[in-house]
Amino acid sequence: FLLSHWYVQFLQCFLCRLSFSPPLPRPIPRADGERRFSVLWAIDRTTSAAGARLLASHLEAPAVDVGEIEQRLDAVQFFCHNAALRKDIRRLLRMSYDVERCIQRLALDRGSPRDLAAIGATLALAQAVAGTMRAVEDVGEMSTRVDKCVHELEQEKWHALLQELANGLVDNPPPALGQGGFIAQGYDKDLDRMRALRNNAKQLVKDLQQEYRKVSKVSNLKIKETNILGMFVEVASAHADKIQCVTEQDDTTPIFQHCQTLKGSMRFKTKELTDLHQDISRAHNE
């Protein structure tokens, strides 16, 4: 029995965590979520969901390492002695989002653009927390744990991620990924081009039609579309010879390639028109 008891104590110390035995008060809520009369219920004054979970995890498995305990107590003492700073930090933390849950949803491919926006907003708040800590004067010497946290928040990787999210997301992204429209204008040139094609397709076709009328000198030239041929140029049969004589600059290759003859009209394809039709179709599909 003594050997078994010693072995259990050794494992607890090795894991640097202390387990509660049944006679002690409940440290955390019951499995059914009931919080009343637990230690967590009595002392929880956290302002964020992540902070509440961290406090619960510390109560569920308290540290037994003396150095770890001293660092935690030093951090508590630091904020107890600096009430104004503590108030400012709590105000900032109250505005933070539950980043841990956002990251979990994104990792499981269940996230939304608003999860990314929440991460960005909370990163901005974290930078504000670090700035508040560094800007306050006469607060005494920071505890080792507090100084380490501030130093972590000031690392360049968080600044870079915050800037990337700020540049890449619109101000008010939609709640669902499928709704689209959450990538900011100017973030991706190819995406901007696709948006322009989708939103201005009619105007682009109209402009190209005007250009073809100018180079061919056929005023009634029209660009039409069918499911089989796609987009094509249609002119009256009387103007067929005129349009077939139009060639590329410094080249003898005809711009208009005949594709269909109808009673009273002829239809032609151009490489530029075919590419435009493909781009417009891809923009609508993507």
Protein backbone atom coordinates (compact mmCIF):
# COMPACT_ATOMS: atom_id res chain seq x y z
CA PHE A 1 0.00 0.00 0.00
CA LEU A 2 2.79 2.46 0.89
CA LEU A 3 4.57 1.66 -2.35
CA SER A 4 1.39 2.24 -4.36
CA HIS A 5 0.70 5.52 -2.53
CA TRP A 6 4.28 6.70 -3.16
CA TYR A 7 3.95 5.83 -6.85
CA VAL A 8 0.74 7.87 -7.21
CA GLN A 9 2.35 10.87 -5.47
CA PHE A 10 5.38 10.55 -7.75
CA LEU A 11 3.20 10.63 -10.88
CA GLN A 12 1.35 13.70 -9.62
CA CYS A 13 4.60 15.57 -8.97
CA PHE A 14 6.00 14.43 -12.29
CA LEU A 15 3.02 15.91 -14.09
CA CYS A 16 3.35 19.13 -12.04
CA ARG A 17 -0.36 19.03 -11.30
CA LEU A 18 -2.36 18.45 -8.16
CA SER A 19 -5.59 16.43 -8.18
CA PHE A 20 -8.53 17.22 -5.88
CA SER A 21 -9.76 14.44 -3.67
CA PRO A 22 -13.50 14.05 -3.01
CA PRO A 23 -13.62 15.68 0.49
CA LEU A 24 -12.46 19.06 -0.95
CA PRO A 25 -14.92 21.56 -2.47
CA ARG A 26 -15.69 21.17 -6.14
CA PRO A 27 -13.14 23.28 -8.04
CA ILE A 28 -15.06 23.42 -11.32
CA PRO A 29 -18.71 22.99 -12.41
CA ARG A 30 -20.26 19.53 -12.53
CA ALA A 31 -20.56 17.60 -15.76
CA ASP A 32 -24.12 18.94 -16.17
CA GLY A 33 -22.76 22.50 -16.20
CA GLU A 34 -23.96 23.49 -12.72
CA ARG A 35 -21.57 26.20 -11.43
CA ARG A 36 -23.14 27.13 -8.10
CA PHE A 37 -21.11 26.57 -4.96
CA SER A 38 -18.01 25.51 -6.88
CA VAL A 39 -14.69 27.28 -6.29
CA LEU A 40 -14.85 28.60 -9.87
CA TRP A 41 -18.30 30.07 -9.22
CA ALA A 42 -16.97 31.85 -6.14
CA ILE A 43 -13.84 33.43 -7.64
CA ASP A 44 -14.44 33.75 -11.39
CA ARG A 45 -14.26 37.43 -12.30
CA THR A 46 -12.75 36.94 -15.75
CA THR A 47 -13.88 39.15 -18.65
CA SER A 48 -13.20 36.77 -21.57
CA ALA A 49 -14.21 33.22 -22.47
CA ALA A 50 -10.60 32.15 -22.91
CA GLY A 51 -9.71 33.57 -19.49
CA ALA A 52 -12.58 31.68 -17.88
CA ARG A 53 -11.42 28.41 -19.43
CA LEU A 54 -7.83 29.03 -18.34
CA LEU A 55 -8.94 29.70 -14.76
CA ALA A 56 -11.05 26.53 -14.79
CA SER A 57 -8.10 24.47 -16.06
CA HIS A 58 -5.86 25.88 -13.30
CA LEU A 59 -8.45 24.98 -10.67
CA GLU A 60 -9.02 21.54 -12.10
CA ALA A 61 -5.29 20.72 -12.08
CA PRO A 62 -3.39 23.22 -9.88
CA ALA A 63 0.36 23.49 -10.29
CA VAL A 64 2.62 21.95 -7.65
CA ASP A 65 5.89 23.31 -9.03
CA VAL A 66 7.10 26.04 -6.64
CA GLY A 67 8.63 28.17 -9.38
CA GLU A 68 5.40 28.09 -11.42
CA ILE A 69 3.33 29.00 -8.37
CA GLU A 70 5.64 31.91 -7.48
CA GLN A 71 5.42 33.30 -11.00
CA ARG A 72 1.63 33.20 -10.92
CA LEU A 73 1.54 34.89 -7.52
CA ASP A 74 3.96 37.60 -8.71
CA ALA A 75 1.69 38.30 -11.69
CA VAL A 76 -1.36 38.56 -9.40
CA GLN A 77 0.52 40.86 -7.03
CA PHE A 78 1.65 43.08 -9.90
CA PHE A 79 -1.92 43.77 -11.01
CA CYS A 80 -3.19 44.09 -7.44
CA HIS A 81 -0.69 46.91 -6.86
CA ASN A 82 -1.61 48.67 -10.14
CA ALA A 83 -5.37 49.15 -10.02
CA ALA A 84 -5.59 51.69 -12.85
CA LEU A 85 -3.57 49.48 -15.18
CA ARG A 86 -5.66 46.48 -14.20
CA LYS A 87 -8.85 48.38 -15.02
CA ASP A 88 -7.55 49.37 -18.46
CA ILE A 89 -6.45 45.81 -19.28
CA ARG A 90 -9.80 44.36 -18.18
CA ARG A 91 -11.61 46.91 -20.36
CA LEU A 92 -9.60 45.78 -23.39
CA LEU A 93 -10.01 42.09 -22.66
CA ARG A 94 -13.77 42.54 -22.33
CA MET A 95 -13.88 43.52 -26.01
CA SER A 96 -11.93 40.46 -27.20
CA TYR A 97 -13.44 37.53 -29.09
CA ASP A 98 -13.12 33.84 -28.31
CA VAL A 99 -10.10 33.27 -30.57
CA GLU A 100 -9.59 29.71 -29.37
CA ARG A 101 -13.03 28.70 -30.64
CA CYS A 102 -12.51 30.62 -33.90
CA ILE A 103 -9.27 28.74 -34.57
CA GLN A 104 -10.91 25.42 -33.79
CA ARG A 105 -13.70 26.07 -36.29
CA LEU A 106 -11.23 27.14 -38.96
CA ALA A 107 -9.07 24.05 -38.33
CA LEU A 108 -12.14 21.85 -38.83
CA ASP A 109 -13.13 23.68 -42.06
CA ARG A 110 -16.23 25.00 -40.32
CA GLY A 111 -15.03 28.55 -39.96
CA SER A 112 -16.44 31.69 -41.49
CA PRO A 113 -15.02 35.02 -42.64
CA ARG A 114 -16.21 36.48 -39.35
CA ASP A 115 -13.93 34.09 -37.48
CA LEU A 116 -10.99 35.59 -39.36
CA ALA A 117 -12.28 39.08 -38.59
CA ALA A 118 -12.61 38.15 -34.90
CA ILE A 119 -9.02 36.93 -34.83
CA GLY A 120 -7.86 40.16 -36.44
CA ALA A 121 -9.84 42.32 -34.01
CA THR A 122 -8.50 40.39 -31.02
CA LEU A 123 -4.95 40.65 -32.32
CA ALA A 124 -5.42 44.41 -32.52
CA LEU A 125 -6.64 44.39 -28.91
CA ALA A 126 -3.62 42.30 -27.92
CA GLN A 127 -1.35 44.92 -29.46
CA ALA A 128 -3.25 47.57 -27.51
CA VAL A 129 -2.74 45.56 -24.29
CA ALA A 130 1.00 45.35 -24.93
CA GLY A 131 1.14 49.05 -25.74
CA THR A 132 -0.78 49.93 -22.57
CA MET A 133 1.61 47.84 -20.50
CA ARG A 134 4.69 49.48 -22.01
CA ALA A 135 3.29 53.01 -21.92
CA VAL A 136 2.32 53.12 -18.25
CA GLU A 137 4.98 54.70 -16.09
CA ASP A 138 5.73 54.15 -12.41
CA VAL A 139 4.00 50.79 -12.26
CA GLY A 140 6.92 49.14 -10.61
CA GLU A 141 8.88 46.24 -11.91
CA MET A 142 6.88 43.80 -14.03
CA SER A 143 6.68 40.23 -12.89
CA THR A 144 8.54 37.67 -14.98
CA ARG A 145 5.31 36.12 -16.28
CA VAL A 146 3.74 39.48 -17.20
CA ASP A 147 6.90 40.67 -18.95
CA LYS A 148 7.07 37.40 -20.89
CA CYS A 149 3.44 37.77 -22.03
CA VAL A 150 4.00 41.35 -23.16
CA HIS A 151 7.14 40.33 -25.03
CA GLU A 152 5.22 37.55 -26.79
CA LEU A 153 2.50 39.98 -27.87
CA GLU A 154 5.11 42.33 -29.35
CA GLN A 155 6.63 39.74 -31.67
CA GLU A 156 6.71 40.66 -35.36
CA LYS A 157 4.74 37.57 -36.43
CA TRP A 158 1.60 38.92 -34.75
CA HIS A 159 2.06 42.33 -36.37
CA ALA A 160 2.45 40.61 -39.76
CA LEU A 161 -0.66 38.45 -39.26
CA LEU A 162 -2.70 41.44 -38.12
CA GLN A 163 -1.63 43.42 -41.19
CA GLU A 164 -2.43 40.50 -43.50
CA LEU A 165 -5.95 40.16 -42.07
CA ALA A 166 -6.51 43.92 -42.17
CA ASN A 167 -5.47 44.08 -45.83
CA GLY A 168 -7.31 40.94 -46.90
CA LEU A 169 -10.74 41.28 -45.26
CA VAL A 170 -13.56 43.76 -45.83
CA ASP A 171 -14.76 45.78 -42.84
CA ASN A 172 -17.94 43.76 -42.34
CA PRO A 173 -17.51 40.24 -43.75
CA PRO A 174 -20.53 37.97 -44.30
CA PRO A 175 -21.36 35.20 -41.81
CA ALA A 176 -21.00 32.38 -44.34
CA LEU A 177 -18.09 31.50 -46.60
CA GLY A 178 -20.40 30.68 -49.51
CA GLN A 179 -21.74 34.22 -49.65
CA GLY A 180 -18.40 35.50 -50.92
CA GLY A 181 -17.45 39.16 -51.00
CA PHE A 182 -15.23 39.03 -47.92
CA ILE A 183 -11.87 39.57 -49.64
CA ALA A 184 -10.97 43.26 -49.76
CA GLN A 185 -10.57 45.10 -53.04
CA GLY A 186 -6.92 45.37 -54.05
CA TYR A 187 -5.76 42.33 -52.07
CA ASP A 188 -5.56 40.01 -55.08
CA LYS A 189 -5.25 41.31 -58.64
CA ASP A 190 -6.71 38.19 -60.26
CA LEU A 191 -9.72 38.29 -57.95
CA ASP A 192 -10.25 41.98 -58.69
CA ARG A 193 -10.20 41.20 -62.40
CA MET A 194 -12.76 38.42 -61.94
CA ARG A 195 -15.00 40.76 -59.99
CA ALA A 196 -14.75 43.39 -62.71
CA LEU A 197 -15.67 40.78 -65.33
CA ARG A 198 -18.64 39.59 -63.30
CA ASN A 199 -19.96 43.03 -62.44
CA ASN A 200 -19.22 44.80 -65.73
CA ALA A 201 -19.66 42.00 -68.27
CA LYS A 202 -22.34 43.80 -70.30
CA GLN A 203 -20.29 46.97 -70.54
CA LEU A 204 -17.17 45.06 -71.59
CA VAL A 205 -19.09 43.31 -74.38
CA LYS A 206 -20.61 46.62 -75.46
CA ASP A 207 -17.18 48.28 -75.58
CA LEU A 208 -15.77 45.42 -77.64
CA GLN A 209 -18.73 45.67 -80.02
CA GLN A 210 -18.06 49.37 -80.54
CA GLU A 211 -14.39 48.59 -81.23
CA TYR A 212 -15.32 45.97 -83.83
CA ARG A 213 -17.73 48.36 -85.53
CA LYS A 214 -14.94 50.91 -85.75
CA VAL A 215 -12.28 48.61 -87.26
CA SER A 216 -14.72 46.88 -89.65
CA LYS A 217 -16.70 50.02 -90.55
CA VAL A 218 -19.91 48.00 -90.23
CA SER A 219 -22.33 50.04 -88.14
CA ASN A 220 -24.88 47.29 -87.58
CA LEU A 221 -22.35 44.71 -86.34
CA LYS A 222 -23.63 42.97 -83.22
CA ILE A 223 -22.15 40.64 -80.60
CA LYS A 224 -24.57 37.87 -79.65
CA GLU A 225 -24.45 34.67 -77.63
CA THR A 226 -25.89 31.15 -77.83
CA ASN A 227 -25.37 28.06 -75.70
CA ILE A 228 -23.75 26.24 -78.62
CA LEU A 229 -21.51 28.89 -80.17
CA GLY A 230 -20.92 31.05 -77.14
CA MET A 231 -20.25 34.68 -78.06
CA PHE A 232 -19.90 35.62 -81.72
CA VAL A 233 -20.06 38.56 -84.11
CA GLU A 234 -23.04 38.73 -86.44
CA VAL A 235 -23.32 40.92 -89.56
CA ALA A 236 -25.64 41.07 -92.56
CA SER A 237 -24.52 38.93 -95.48
CA ALA A 238 -24.00 42.07 -97.52
CA HIS A 239 -21.11 43.08 -95.20
CA ALA A 240 -19.44 39.66 -95.07
CA ASP A 241 -16.69 40.54 -97.55
CA LYS A 242 -15.94 43.78 -95.76
CA ILE A 243 -15.52 42.14 -92.37
CA GLN A 244 -13.43 39.25 -93.69
CA CYS A 245 -10.89 41.72 -95.02
CA VAL A 246 -10.07 43.08 -91.55
CA THR A 247 -6.69 41.80 -90.40
CA GLU A 248 -4.42 42.18 -87.41
CA GLN A 249 -2.04 45.14 -87.44
CA ASP A 250 1.27 44.29 -89.16
CA ASP A 251 -0.16 40.89 -90.05
CA THR A 252 -2.32 39.25 -92.69
CA THR A 253 -4.23 37.06 -90.24
CA PRO A 254 -7.96 37.85 -90.35
CA ILE A 255 -9.43 39.05 -87.05
CA PHE A 256 -12.87 37.58 -87.78
CA GLN A 257 -13.07 33.82 -88.39
CA HIS A 258 -16.24 32.59 -90.11
CA CYS A 259 -18.18 30.03 -88.07
CA GLN A 260 -21.78 29.96 -89.33
CA THR A 261 -23.91 31.15 -92.23
CA LEU A 262 -27.60 31.93 -91.87
CA LYS A 263 -30.20 33.30 -94.24
CA GLY A 264 -29.39 36.97 -94.56
CA SER A 265 -26.51 37.00 -92.02
CA MET A 266 -23.12 35.52 -91.21
CA ARG A 267 -21.46 34.81 -87.88
CA PHE A 268 -17.80 35.15 -86.96
CA LYS A 269 -15.55 34.34 -84.04
CA THR A 270 -12.52 36.25 -82.75
CA LYS A 271 -9.87 35.13 -80.31
CA GLU A 272 -10.43 38.20 -78.14
CA LEU A 273 -14.18 37.56 -77.94
CA THR A 274 -13.67 33.86 -77.14
CA ASP A 275 -11.24 34.70 -74.32
CA LEU A 276 -13.63 37.31 -72.92
CA HIS A 277 -16.50 34.84 -72.93
CA GLN A 278 -14.41 32.24 -71.10
CA ASP A 279 -13.27 34.76 -68.50
CA ILE A 280 -16.81 35.99 -67.87
CA SER A 281 -18.10 32.42 -67.50
CA ARG A 282 -15.29 31.55 -65.07
CA ALA A 283 -15.91 34.73 -63.06
CA HIS A 284 -19.58 33.83 -62.60
CA ASN A 285 -18.81 30.22 -61.70
CA GLU A 286 -16.07 31.03 -59.21
